[in-house]
PDB file of all heavy atoms in Angstrom:
ATOM      1  N   ASN A   1     211.070 141.974 -49.086  1.00  0.00           N
ATOM      2  CA  ASN A   1     210.805 141.782 -47.670  1.00  0.00           C
ATOM      3  C   ASN A   1     211.568 142.859 -46.857  1.00  0.00           C
ATOM      4  O   ASN A   1     211.048 143.320 -45.814  1.00  0.00           O
ATOM      5  CB  ASN A   1     211.321 140.403 -47.245  1.00  0.00           C
ATOM      6  CG  ASN A   1     210.365 139.292 -47.689  1.00  0.00           C
ATOM      7  OD1 ASN A   1     209.145 139.475 -47.615  1.00  0.00           O
ATOM      8  ND2 ASN A   1     210.929 138.195 -48.138  1.00  0.00           N
ATOM      9  N   LEU A   2     212.758 143.281 -47.332  1.00  0.00           N
ATOM     10  CA  LEU A   2     213.416 144.352 -46.626  1.00  0.00           C
ATOM     11  C   LEU A   2     212.598 145.659 -46.667  1.00  0.00           C
ATOM     12  O   LEU A   2     212.469 146.318 -45.665  1.00  0.00           O
ATOM     13  CB  LEU A   2     214.793 144.621 -47.261  1.00  0.00           C
ATOM     14  CG  LEU A   2     215.961 143.622 -46.936  1.00  0.00           C
ATOM     15  CD1 LEU A   2     217.219 144.121 -47.610  1.00  0.00           C
ATOM     16  CD2 LEU A   2     216.172 143.583 -45.377  1.00  0.00           C
ATOM     17  N   LEU A   3     212.052 145.957 -47.828  1.00  0.00           N
ATOM     18  CA  LEU A   3     211.208 147.154 -47.962  1.00  0.00           C
ATOM     19  C   LEU A   3     209.926 147.086 -47.134  1.00  0.00           C
ATOM     20  O   LEU A   3     209.556 148.053 -46.535  1.00  0.00           O
ATOM     21  CB  LEU A   3     210.856 147.381 -49.428  1.00  0.00           C
ATOM     22  CG  LEU A   3     212.004 147.812 -50.384  1.00  0.00           C
ATOM     23  CD1 LEU A   3     211.555 147.804 -51.801  1.00  0.00           C
ATOM     24  CD2 LEU A   3     212.544 149.217 -49.965  1.00  0.00           C
ATOM     25  N   THR A   4     209.343 145.886 -47.122  1.00  0.00           N
ATOM     26  CA  THR A   4     208.144 145.698 -46.321  1.00  0.00           C
ATOM     27  C   THR A   4     208.405 145.928 -44.859  1.00  0.00           C
ATOM     28  O   THR A   4     207.625 146.516 -44.130  1.00  0.00           O
ATOM     29  CB  THR A   4     207.512 144.322 -46.570  1.00  0.00           C
ATOM     30  OG1 THR A   4     207.313 144.155 -47.989  1.00  0.00           O
ATOM     31  CG2 THR A   4     206.179 144.151 -45.898  1.00  0.00           C
ATOM     32  N   ILE A   5     209.513 145.337 -44.358  1.00  0.00           N
ATOM     33  CA  ILE A   5     209.878 145.538 -42.940  1.00  0.00           C
ATOM     34  C   ILE A   5     210.096 146.990 -42.646  1.00  0.00           C
ATOM     35  O   ILE A   5     209.591 147.540 -41.609  1.00  0.00           O
ATOM     36  CB  ILE A   5     211.164 144.715 -42.665  1.00  0.00           C
ATOM     37  CG1 ILE A   5     210.887 143.227 -42.668  1.00  0.00           C
ATOM     38  CG2 ILE A   5     211.746 145.165 -41.272  1.00  0.00           C
ATOM     39  CD1 ILE A   5     212.155 142.358 -42.629  1.00  0.00           C
ATOM     40  N   THR A   6     210.718 147.712 -43.562  1.00  0.00           N
ATOM     41  CA  THR A   6     210.962 149.194 -43.394  1.00  0.00           C
ATOM     42  C   THR A   6     209.661 149.918 -43.361  1.00  0.00           C
ATOM     43  O   THR A   6     209.435 150.798 -42.487  1.00  0.00           O
ATOM     44  CB  THR A   6     211.832 149.699 -44.562  1.00  0.00           C
ATOM     45  OG1 THR A   6     213.060 148.981 -44.600  1.00  0.00           O
ATOM     46  CG2 THR A   6     212.143 151.181 -44.321  1.00  0.00           C
ATOM     47  N   ILE A   7     208.748 149.584 -44.308  1.00  0.00           N
ATOM     48  CA  ILE A   7     207.440 150.272 -44.323  1.00  0.00           C
ATOM     49  C   ILE A   7     206.618 150.020 -43.050  1.00  0.00           C
ATOM     50  O   ILE A   7     205.997 150.915 -42.468  1.00  0.00           O
ATOM     51  CB  ILE A   7     206.621 149.793 -45.547  1.00  0.00           C
ATOM     52  CG1 ILE A   7     207.298 150.369 -46.836  1.00  0.00           C
ATOM     53  CG2 ILE A   7     205.169 150.287 -45.481  1.00  0.00           C
ATOM     54  CD1 ILE A   7     206.743 149.787 -48.116  1.00  0.00           C
ATOM     55  N   MET A   8     206.717 148.757 -42.544  1.00  0.00           N
ATOM     56  CA  MET A   8     205.953 148.415 -41.322  1.00  0.00           C
ATOM     57  C   MET A   8     206.518 149.206 -40.133  1.00  0.00           C
ATOM     58  O   MET A   8     205.739 149.639 -39.283  1.00  0.00           O
ATOM     59  CB  MET A   8     206.072 146.916 -41.131  1.00  0.00           C
ATOM     60  CG  MET A   8     205.234 146.120 -42.098  1.00  0.00           C
ATOM     61  SD  MET A   8     205.500 144.327 -41.934  1.00  0.00           S
ATOM     62  CE  MET A   8     204.705 143.976 -40.348  1.00  0.00           C
ATOM     63  N   LEU A   9     207.869 149.296 -40.084  1.00  0.00           N
ATOM     64  CA  LEU A   9     208.475 150.046 -38.964  1.00  0.00           C
ATOM     65  C   LEU A   9     208.056 151.483 -39.024  1.00  0.00           C
ATOM     66  O   LEU A   9     207.791 152.147 -38.009  1.00  0.00           O
ATOM     67  CB  LEU A   9     210.000 149.883 -38.984  1.00  0.00           C
ATOM     68  CG  LEU A   9     210.517 148.493 -38.634  1.00  0.00           C
ATOM     69  CD1 LEU A   9     212.038 148.448 -38.882  1.00  0.00           C
ATOM     70  CD2 LEU A   9     210.256 148.222 -37.153  1.00  0.00           C
ATOM     71  N   VAL A  10     208.033 152.096 -40.226  1.00  0.00           N
ATOM     72  CA  VAL A  10     207.664 153.523 -40.372  1.00  0.00           C
ATOM     73  C   VAL A  10     206.180 153.727 -39.942  1.00  0.00           C
ATOM     74  O   VAL A  10     205.838 154.634 -39.209  1.00  0.00           O
ATOM     75  CB  VAL A  10     207.848 153.992 -41.806  1.00  0.00           C
ATOM     76  CG1 VAL A  10     207.210 155.322 -42.057  1.00  0.00           C
ATOM     77  CG2 VAL A  10     209.347 154.001 -42.121  1.00  0.00           C
ATOM     78  N   ILE A  11     205.328 152.797 -40.348  1.00  0.00           N
ATOM     79  CA  ILE A  11     203.862 152.906 -40.005  1.00  0.00           C
ATOM     80  C   ILE A  11     203.728 152.758 -38.540  1.00  0.00           C
ATOM     81  O   ILE A  11     202.969 153.547 -37.862  1.00  0.00           O
ATOM     82  CB  ILE A  11     203.078 151.792 -40.771  1.00  0.00           C
ATOM     83  CG1 ILE A  11     203.048 152.085 -42.263  1.00  0.00           C
ATOM     84  CG2 ILE A  11     201.694 151.695 -40.194  1.00  0.00           C
ATOM     85  CD1 ILE A  11     202.452 150.952 -43.110  1.00  0.00           C
ATOM     86  N   LYS A  12     204.404 151.814 -37.932  1.00  0.00           N
ATOM     87  CA  LYS A  12     204.239 151.551 -36.514  1.00  0.00           C
ATOM     88  C   LYS A  12     204.772 152.709 -35.647  1.00  0.00           C
ATOM     89  O   LYS A  12     204.125 153.140 -34.665  1.00  0.00           O
ATOM     90  CB  LYS A  12     205.000 150.281 -36.102  1.00  0.00           C
ATOM     91  CG  LYS A  12     204.960 149.969 -34.637  1.00  0.00           C
ATOM     92  CD  LYS A  12     205.715 148.676 -34.347  1.00  0.00           C
ATOM     93  CE  LYS A  12     205.753 148.402 -32.804  1.00  0.00           C
ATOM     94  NZ  LYS A  12     206.564 147.213 -32.487  1.00  0.00           N
ATOM     95  N   ASN A  13     205.908 153.262 -36.014  1.00  0.00           N
ATOM     96  CA  ASN A  13     206.566 154.275 -35.178  1.00  0.00           C
ATOM     97  C   ASN A  13     206.195 155.697 -35.484  1.00  0.00           C
ATOM     98  O   ASN A  13     206.313 156.610 -34.652  1.00  0.00           O
ATOM     99  CB  ASN A  13     208.046 154.125 -35.239  1.00  0.00           C
ATOM    100  CG  ASN A  13     208.566 152.763 -34.681  1.00  0.00           C
ATOM    101  OD1 ASN A  13     208.071 152.342 -33.623  1.00  0.00           O
ATOM    102  ND2 ASN A  13     209.465 152.092 -35.336  1.00  0.00           N
ATOM    103  N   TYR A  14     205.725 155.983 -36.713  1.00  0.00           N
ATOM    104  CA  TYR A  14     205.544 157.364 -37.083  1.00  0.00           C
ATOM    105  C   TYR A  14     204.096 157.707 -37.604  1.00  0.00           C
ATOM    106  O   TYR A  14     203.766 158.866 -37.757  1.00  0.00           O
ATOM    107  CB  TYR A  14     206.531 157.787 -38.190  1.00  0.00           C
ATOM    108  CG  TYR A  14     207.963 157.640 -37.737  1.00  0.00           C
ATOM    109  CD1 TYR A  14     208.745 156.539 -38.112  1.00  0.00           C
ATOM    110  CD2 TYR A  14     208.562 158.623 -36.943  1.00  0.00           C
ATOM    111  CE1 TYR A  14     210.079 156.438 -37.654  1.00  0.00           C
ATOM    112  CE2 TYR A  14     209.892 158.531 -36.489  1.00  0.00           C
ATOM    113  CZ  TYR A  14     210.633 157.426 -36.876  1.00  0.00           C
ATOM    114  OH  TYR A  14     211.918 157.304 -36.415  1.00  0.00           O
ATOM    115  N   ILE A  15     203.330 156.664 -37.915  1.00  0.00           N
ATOM    116  CA  ILE A  15     202.011 156.937 -38.527  1.00  0.00           C
ATOM    117  C   ILE A  15     200.873 156.476 -37.616  1.00  0.00           C
ATOM    118  O   ILE A  15     199.948 157.250 -37.339  1.00  0.00           O
ATOM    119  CB  ILE A  15     201.868 156.210 -39.905  1.00  0.00           C
ATOM    120  CG1 ILE A  15     202.947 156.791 -40.884  1.00  0.00           C
ATOM    121  CG2 ILE A  15     200.506 156.450 -40.477  1.00  0.00           C
ATOM    122  CD1 ILE A  15     202.961 156.133 -42.232  1.00  0.00           C
ATOM    123  N   ILE A  16     200.978 155.244 -37.087  1.00  0.00           N
ATOM    124  CA  ILE A  16     199.880 154.740 -36.249  1.00  0.00           C
ATOM    125  C   ILE A  16     199.968 155.343 -34.837  1.00  0.00           C
ATOM    126  O   ILE A  16     201.048 155.285 -34.191  1.00  0.00           O
ATOM    127  CB  ILE A  16     199.927 153.189 -36.147  1.00  0.00           C
ATOM    128  CG1 ILE A  16     199.711 152.602 -37.566  1.00  0.00           C
ATOM    129  CG2 ILE A  16     198.951 152.688 -35.153  1.00  0.00           C
ATOM    130  CD1 ILE A  16     198.299 152.766 -38.052  1.00  0.00           C
ATOM    131  N   ASP A  17     198.868 155.934 -34.285  1.00  0.00           N
ATOM    132  CA  ASP A  17     198.819 156.454 -32.949  1.00  0.00           C
ATOM    133  C   ASP A  17     197.692 155.628 -32.204  1.00  0.00           C
ATOM    134  O   ASP A  17     196.465 155.822 -32.453  1.00  0.00           O
ATOM    135  CB  ASP A  17     198.431 157.944 -32.962  1.00  0.00           C
ATOM    136  CG  ASP A  17     198.597 158.567 -31.580  1.00  0.00           C
ATOM    137  OD1 ASP A  17     198.422 157.836 -30.565  1.00  0.00           O
ATOM    138  OD2 ASP A  17     198.774 159.764 -31.517  1.00  0.00           O
ATOM    139  N   GLU A  18     198.115 154.765 -31.313  1.00  0.00           N
ATOM    140  CA  GLU A  18     197.140 153.841 -30.674  1.00  0.00           C
ATOM    141  C   GLU A  18     196.155 154.622 -29.779  1.00  0.00           C
ATOM    142  O   GLU A  18     195.047 154.210 -29.598  1.00  0.00           O
ATOM    143  CB  GLU A  18     197.911 152.792 -29.841  1.00  0.00           C
ATOM    144  CG  GLU A  18     198.661 151.795 -30.743  1.00  0.00           C
ATOM    145  CD  GLU A  18     199.266 150.626 -29.926  1.00  0.00           C
ATOM    146  OE1 GLU A  18     198.977 150.648 -28.703  1.00  0.00           O
ATOM    147  OE2 GLU A  18     199.981 149.813 -30.520  1.00  0.00           O
ATOM    148  N   GLU A  19     196.617 155.703 -29.187  1.00  0.00           N
ATOM    149  CA  GLU A  19     195.671 156.500 -28.353  1.00  0.00           C
ATOM    150  C   GLU A  19     194.566 157.104 -29.189  1.00  0.00           C
ATOM    151  O   GLU A  19     193.417 157.128 -28.746  1.00  0.00           O
ATOM    152  CB  GLU A  19     196.479 157.621 -27.619  1.00  0.00           C
ATOM    153  CG  GLU A  19     197.438 157.110 -26.575  1.00  0.00           C
ATOM    154  CD  GLU A  19     198.124 158.237 -25.810  1.00  0.00           C
ATOM    155  OE1 GLU A  19     197.764 159.418 -26.094  1.00  0.00           O
ATOM    156  OE2 GLU A  19     198.970 157.957 -24.964  1.00  0.00           O
ATOM    157  N   LYS A  20     194.884 157.624 -30.304  1.00  0.00           N
ATOM    158  CA  LYS A  20     193.868 158.171 -31.250  1.00  0.00           C
ATOM    159  C   LYS A  20     192.942 157.024 -31.690  1.00  0.00           C
ATOM    160  O   LYS A  20     191.675 157.217 -31.807  1.00  0.00           O
ATOM    161  CB  LYS A  20     194.508 158.829 -32.435  1.00  0.00           C
ATOM    162  CG  LYS A  20     195.172 160.123 -32.098  1.00  0.00           C
ATOM    163  CD  LYS A  20     195.725 160.789 -33.388  1.00  0.00           C
ATOM    164  CE  LYS A  20     196.403 162.137 -33.078  1.00  0.00           C
ATOM    165  NZ  LYS A  20     196.910 162.783 -34.297  1.00  0.00           N
ATOM    166  N   ILE A  21     193.474 155.878 -31.962  1.00  0.00           N
ATOM    167  CA  ILE A  21     192.646 154.763 -32.364  1.00  0.00           C
ATOM    168  C   ILE A  21     191.662 154.360 -31.309  1.00  0.00           C
ATOM    169  O   ILE A  21     190.498 154.111 -31.526  1.00  0.00           O
ATOM    170  CB  ILE A  21     193.540 153.540 -32.822  1.00  0.00           C
ATOM    171  CG1 ILE A  21     194.324 153.916 -34.100  1.00  0.00           C
ATOM    172  CG2 ILE A  21     192.705 152.273 -32.988  1.00  0.00           C
ATOM    173  CD1 ILE A  21     195.329 152.882 -34.453  1.00  0.00           C
ATOM    174  N   HIS A  22     192.152 154.324 -30.054  1.00  0.00           N
ATOM    175  CA  HIS A  22     191.313 153.995 -28.927  1.00  0.00           C
ATOM    176  C   HIS A  22     190.207 154.969 -28.754  1.00  0.00           C
ATOM    177  O   HIS A  22     189.005 154.635 -28.512  1.00  0.00           O
ATOM    178  CB  HIS A  22     192.180 153.903 -27.637  1.00  0.00           C
ATOM    179  CG  HIS A  22     191.391 153.375 -26.482  1.00  0.00           C
ATOM    180  ND1 HIS A  22     190.673 154.234 -25.616  1.00  0.00           N
ATOM    181  CD2 HIS A  22     191.225 152.119 -25.986  1.00  0.00           C
ATOM    182  CE1 HIS A  22     190.121 153.530 -24.691  1.00  0.00           C
ATOM    183  NE2 HIS A  22     190.465 152.215 -24.856  1.00  0.00           N
ATOM    184  N   ALA A  23     190.568 156.272 -28.883  1.00  0.00           N
ATOM    185  CA  ALA A  23     189.524 157.347 -28.781  1.00  0.00           C
ATOM    186  C   ALA A  23     188.464 157.169 -29.845  1.00  0.00           C
ATOM    187  O   ALA A  23     187.268 157.354 -29.638  1.00  0.00           O
ATOM    188  CB  ALA A  23     190.182 158.689 -28.822  1.00  0.00           C
ATOM    189  N   LYS A  24     188.920 156.855 -31.015  1.00  0.00           N
ATOM    190  CA  LYS A  24     188.017 156.688 -32.170  1.00  0.00           C
ATOM    191  C   LYS A  24     187.062 155.461 -31.934  1.00  0.00           C
ATOM    192  O   LYS A  24     185.845 155.551 -32.266  1.00  0.00           O
ATOM    193  CB  LYS A  24     188.841 156.457 -33.488  1.00  0.00           C
ATOM    194  CG  LYS A  24     187.994 156.331 -34.702  1.00  0.00           C
ATOM    195  CD  LYS A  24     187.323 157.615 -35.138  1.00  0.00           C
ATOM    196  CE  LYS A  24     186.592 157.503 -36.451  1.00  0.00           C
ATOM    197  NZ  LYS A  24     185.856 158.766 -36.778  1.00  0.00           N
ATOM    198  N   ILE A  25     187.590 154.450 -31.352  1.00  0.00           N
ATOM    199  CA  ILE A  25     186.753 153.225 -31.101  1.00  0.00           C
ATOM    200  C   ILE A  25     185.704 153.555 -30.044  1.00  0.00           C
ATOM    201  O   ILE A  25     184.542 153.177 -30.160  1.00  0.00           O
ATOM    202  CB  ILE A  25     187.663 152.095 -30.616  1.00  0.00           C
ATOM    203  CG1 ILE A  25     188.449 151.520 -31.874  1.00  0.00           C
ATOM    204  CG2 ILE A  25     186.837 150.952 -30.013  1.00  0.00           C
ATOM    205  CD1 ILE A  25     189.449 150.474 -31.484  1.00  0.00           C
ATOM    206  N   GLU A  26     186.116 154.267 -29.014  1.00  0.00           N
ATOM    207  CA  GLU A  26     185.158 154.667 -27.967  1.00  0.00           C
ATOM    208  C   GLU A  26     184.063 155.560 -28.543  1.00  0.00           C
ATOM    209  O   GLU A  26     182.881 155.454 -28.173  1.00  0.00           O
ATOM    210  CB  GLU A  26     185.911 155.408 -26.823  1.00  0.00           C
ATOM    211  CG  GLU A  26     186.865 154.470 -26.036  1.00  0.00           C
ATOM    212  CD  GLU A  26     186.078 153.373 -25.365  1.00  0.00           C
ATOM    213  OE1 GLU A  26     184.968 153.558 -24.887  1.00  0.00           O
ATOM    214  OE2 GLU A  26     186.685 152.248 -25.326  1.00  0.00           O
ATOM    215  N   GLU A  27     184.461 156.428 -29.432  1.00  0.00           N
ATOM    216  CA  GLU A  27     183.487 157.317 -30.110  1.00  0.00           C
ATOM    217  C   GLU A  27     182.500 156.478 -30.939  1.00  0.00           C
ATOM    218  O   GLU A  27     181.309 156.725 -30.960  1.00  0.00           O
ATOM    219  CB  GLU A  27     184.212 158.318 -30.932  1.00  0.00           C
ATOM    220  CG  GLU A  27     183.291 159.355 -31.578  1.00  0.00           C
ATOM    221  CD  GLU A  27     184.074 160.383 -32.384  1.00  0.00           C
ATOM    222  OE1 GLU A  27     185.275 160.474 -32.218  1.00  0.00           O
ATOM    223  OE2 GLU A  27     183.443 161.006 -33.270  1.00  0.00           O
ATOM    224  N   ASN A  28     183.008 155.497 -31.640  1.00  0.00           N
ATOM    225  CA  ASN A  28     182.187 154.627 -32.459  1.00  0.00           C
ATOM    226  C   ASN A  28     181.154 153.825 -31.630  1.00  0.00           C
ATOM    227  O   ASN A  28     180.064 153.539 -32.067  1.00  0.00           O
ATOM    228  CB  ASN A  28     183.042 153.660 -33.267  1.00  0.00           C
ATOM    229  CG  ASN A  28     183.773 154.344 -34.376  1.00  0.00           C
ATOM    230  OD1 ASN A  28     183.414 155.441 -34.788  1.00  0.00           O
ATOM    231  ND2 ASN A  28     184.848 153.696 -34.870  1.00  0.00           N
ATOM    232  N   LYS A  29     181.612 153.430 -30.444  1.00  0.00           N
ATOM    233  CA  LYS A  29     180.723 152.667 -29.569  1.00  0.00           C
ATOM    234  C   LYS A  29     179.484 153.461 -29.153  1.00  0.00           C
ATOM    235  O   LYS A  29     178.403 152.904 -28.945  1.00  0.00           O
ATOM    236  CB  LYS A  29     181.464 152.203 -28.296  1.00  0.00           C
ATOM    237  CG  LYS A  29     182.471 151.101 -28.516  1.00  0.00           C
ATOM    238  CD  LYS A  29     183.169 150.762 -27.199  1.00  0.00           C
ATOM    239  CE  LYS A  29     184.188 149.678 -27.389  1.00  0.00           C
ATOM    240  NZ  LYS A  29     184.845 149.262 -26.147  1.00  0.00           N
ATOM    241  N   LYS A  30     179.699 154.750 -28.999  1.00  0.00           N
ATOM    242  CA  LYS A  30     178.541 155.631 -28.578  1.00  0.00           C
ATOM    243  C   LYS A  30     177.551 155.866 -29.709  1.00  0.00           C
ATOM    244  O   LYS A  30     176.382 156.133 -29.408  1.00  0.00           O
ATOM    245  CB  LYS A  30     179.079 156.943 -28.099  1.00  0.00           C
ATOM    246  CG  LYS A  30     180.000 156.844 -26.843  1.00  0.00           C
ATOM    247  CD  LYS A  30     180.575 158.173 -26.511  1.00  0.00           C
ATOM    248  CE  LYS A  30     181.562 158.050 -25.335  1.00  0.00           C
ATOM    249  NZ  LYS A  30     182.203 159.329 -24.988  1.00  0.00           N
ATOM    250  N   LYS A  31     178.002 155.703 -30.940  1.00  0.00           N
ATOM    251  CA  LYS A  31     177.084 155.928 -32.069  1.00  0.00           C
ATOM    252  C   LYS A  31     176.164 154.745 -32.253  1.00  0.00           C
ATOM    253  O   LYS A  31     176.592 153.584 -32.089  1.00  0.00           O
ATOM    254  CB  LYS A  31     177.880 156.172 -33.370  1.00  0.00           C
ATOM    255  CG  LYS A  31     178.734 157.427 -33.339  1.00  0.00           C
ATOM    256  CD  LYS A  31     179.512 157.590 -34.657  1.00  0.00           C
ATOM    257  CE  LYS A  31     180.413 158.806 -34.622  1.00  0.00           C
ATOM    258  NZ  LYS A  31     181.209 158.883 -35.901  1.00  0.00           N
ATOM    259  N   PRO A  32     174.922 154.979 -32.606  1.00  0.00           N
ATOM    260  CA  PRO A  32     174.025 153.807 -32.910  1.00  0.00           C
ATOM    261  C   PRO A  32     174.438 153.185 -34.213  1.00  0.00           C
ATOM    262  O   PRO A  32     174.739 153.794 -35.147  1.00  0.00           O
ATOM    263  CB  PRO A  32     172.639 154.494 -33.058  1.00  0.00           C
ATOM    264  CG  PRO A  32     172.959 155.905 -33.428  1.00  0.00           C
ATOM    265  CD  PRO A  32     174.275 156.277 -32.754  1.00  0.00           C
ATOM    266  N   LYS A  33     174.546 151.838 -34.104  1.00  0.00           N
ATOM    267  CA  LYS A  33     175.017 151.086 -35.221  1.00  0.00           C
ATOM    268  C   LYS A  33     173.836 150.378 -35.924  1.00  0.00           C
ATOM    269  O   LYS A  33     173.053 149.722 -35.304  1.00  0.00           O
ATOM    270  CB  LYS A  33     175.999 150.022 -34.756  1.00  0.00           C
ATOM    271  CG  LYS A  33     177.389 150.510 -34.631  1.00  0.00           C
ATOM    272  CD  LYS A  33     178.039 150.639 -35.997  1.00  0.00           C
ATOM    273  CE  LYS A  33     179.479 151.180 -35.929  1.00  0.00           C
ATOM    274  NZ  LYS A  33     180.034 151.403 -37.221  1.00  0.00           N
ATOM    275  N   LYS A  34     173.773 150.579 -37.222  1.00  0.00           N
ATOM    276  CA  LYS A  34     172.787 149.910 -38.030  1.00  0.00           C
ATOM    277  C   LYS A  34     173.337 148.528 -38.421  1.00  0.00           C
ATOM    278  O   LYS A  34     174.351 148.440 -39.042  1.00  0.00           O
ATOM    279  CB  LYS A  34     172.424 150.726 -39.258  1.00  0.00           C
ATOM    280  CG  LYS A  34     171.295 150.114 -40.046  1.00  0.00           C
ATOM    281  CD  LYS A  34     170.964 150.954 -41.295  1.00  0.00           C
ATOM    282  CE  LYS A  34     169.854 150.346 -42.054  1.00  0.00           C
ATOM    283  NZ  LYS A  34     169.495 151.128 -43.300  1.00  0.00           N
ATOM    284  N   GLU A  35     172.558 147.496 -38.026  1.00  0.00           N
ATOM    285  CA  GLU A  35     173.020 146.168 -38.239  1.00  0.00           C
ATOM    286  C   GLU A  35     172.883 145.784 -39.783  1.00  0.00           C
ATOM    287  O   GLU A  35     171.810 145.922 -40.301  1.00  0.00           O
ATOM    288  CB  GLU A  35     172.223 145.177 -37.411  1.00  0.00           C
ATOM    289  CG  GLU A  35     172.853 143.779 -37.339  1.00  0.00           C
ATOM    290  CD  GLU A  35     172.132 142.893 -36.352  1.00  0.00           C
ATOM    291  OE1 GLU A  35     170.870 142.954 -36.295  1.00  0.00           O
ATOM    292  OE2 GLU A  35     172.791 142.187 -35.622  1.00  0.00           O
ATOM    293  N   GLY A  36     173.935 145.375 -40.356  1.00  0.00           N
ATOM    294  CA  GLY A  36     173.916 145.015 -41.783  1.00  0.00           C
ATOM    295  C   GLY A  36     173.152 143.710 -41.955  1.00  0.00           C
ATOM    296  O   GLY A  36     172.924 142.937 -41.006  1.00  0.00           O
ATOM    297  N   LYS A  37     172.777 143.440 -43.234  1.00  0.00           N
ATOM    298  CA  LYS A  37     172.037 142.239 -43.517  1.00  0.00           C
ATOM    299  C   LYS A  37     172.825 141.004 -43.260  1.00  0.00           C
ATOM    300  O   LYS A  37     172.301 140.019 -42.687  1.00  0.00           O
ATOM    301  CB  LYS A  37     171.585 142.255 -45.013  1.00  0.00           C
ATOM    302  CG  LYS A  37     170.588 143.309 -45.340  1.00  0.00           C
ATOM    303  CD  LYS A  37     170.215 143.271 -46.849  1.00  0.00           C
ATOM    304  CE  LYS A  37     169.149 144.305 -47.165  1.00  0.00           C
ATOM    305  NZ  LYS A  37     168.792 144.345 -48.619  1.00  0.00           N
ATOM    306  N   PHE A  38     174.153 141.021 -43.645  1.00  0.00           N
ATOM    307  CA  PHE A  38     174.952 139.830 -43.416  1.00  0.00           C
ATOM    308  C   PHE A  38     175.147 139.569 -41.930  1.00  0.00           C
ATOM    309  O   PHE A  38     174.979 138.475 -41.442  1.00  0.00           O
ATOM    310  CB  PHE A  38     176.327 140.007 -44.046  1.00  0.00           C
ATOM    311  CG  PHE A  38     177.324 138.953 -43.745  1.00  0.00           C
ATOM    312  CD1 PHE A  38     177.193 137.687 -44.405  1.00  0.00           C
ATOM    313  CD2 PHE A  38     178.355 139.105 -42.832  1.00  0.00           C
ATOM    314  CE1 PHE A  38     178.099 136.686 -44.141  1.00  0.00           C
ATOM    315  CE2 PHE A  38     179.229 138.099 -42.584  1.00  0.00           C
ATOM    316  CZ  PHE A  38     179.092 136.881 -43.214  1.00  0.00           C
ATOM    317  N   ARG A  39     175.414 140.674 -41.168  1.00  0.00           N
ATOM    318  CA  ARG A  39     175.565 140.553 -39.717  1.00  0.00           C
ATOM    319  C   ARG A  39     174.210 140.088 -39.072  1.00  0.00           C
ATOM    320  O   ARG A  39     174.268 139.242 -38.159  1.00  0.00           O
ATOM    321  CB  ARG A  39     175.993 141.903 -39.158  1.00  0.00           C
ATOM    322  CG  ARG A  39     176.098 141.976 -37.635  1.00  0.00           C
ATOM    323  CD  ARG A  39     177.363 141.331 -37.145  1.00  0.00           C
ATOM    324  NE  ARG A  39     178.513 142.168 -37.436  1.00  0.00           N
ATOM    325  CZ  ARG A  39     179.698 141.878 -36.996  1.00  0.00           C
ATOM    326  NH1 ARG A  39     179.922 140.820 -36.178  1.00  0.00           N
ATOM    327  NH2 ARG A  39     180.757 142.638 -37.335  1.00  0.00           N
ATOM    328  N   LYS A  40     173.164 140.588 -39.538  1.00  0.00           N
ATOM    329  CA  LYS A  40     171.836 140.172 -38.989  1.00  0.00           C
ATOM    330  C   LYS A  40     171.580 138.681 -39.220  1.00  0.00           C
ATOM    331  O   LYS A  40     171.172 137.967 -38.296  1.00  0.00           O
ATOM    332  CB  LYS A  40     170.761 141.028 -39.618  1.00  0.00           C
ATOM    333  CG  LYS A  40     169.392 140.831 -39.013  1.00  0.00           C
ATOM    334  CD  LYS A  40     168.389 141.757 -39.642  1.00  0.00           C
ATOM    335  CE  LYS A  40     166.977 141.622 -38.999  1.00  0.00           C
ATOM    336  NZ  LYS A  40     166.030 142.568 -39.609  1.00  0.00           N
ATOM    337  N   ARG A  41     171.820 138.243 -40.444  1.00  0.00           N
ATOM    338  CA  ARG A  41     171.615 136.790 -40.756  1.00  0.00           C
ATOM    339  C   ARG A  41     172.507 135.933 -39.928  1.00  0.00           C
ATOM    340  O   ARG A  41     172.192 134.812 -39.426  1.00  0.00           O
ATOM    341  CB  ARG A  41     171.789 136.524 -42.234  1.00  0.00           C
ATOM    342  CG  ARG A  41     170.617 136.980 -43.068  1.00  0.00           C
ATOM    343  CD  ARG A  41     170.675 136.349 -44.483  1.00  0.00           C
ATOM    344  NE  ARG A  41     171.847 136.802 -45.240  1.00  0.00           N
ATOM    345  CZ  ARG A  41     171.837 137.864 -46.029  1.00  0.00           C
ATOM    346  NH1 ARG A  41     170.722 138.557 -46.223  1.00  0.00           N
ATOM    347  NH2 ARG A  41     172.945 138.230 -46.717  1.00  0.00           N
TER     348      ARG A  41
END
């Protein structure tokens, strides 16, 4: 649990960039999405 907490803090503070994630999501929204069979059903 100590190691997991350390890894999570490293990911949160040094790896994950929320601005880049937001930009990626906005870009995905503009792309046409093909609806999968499971989603369609």
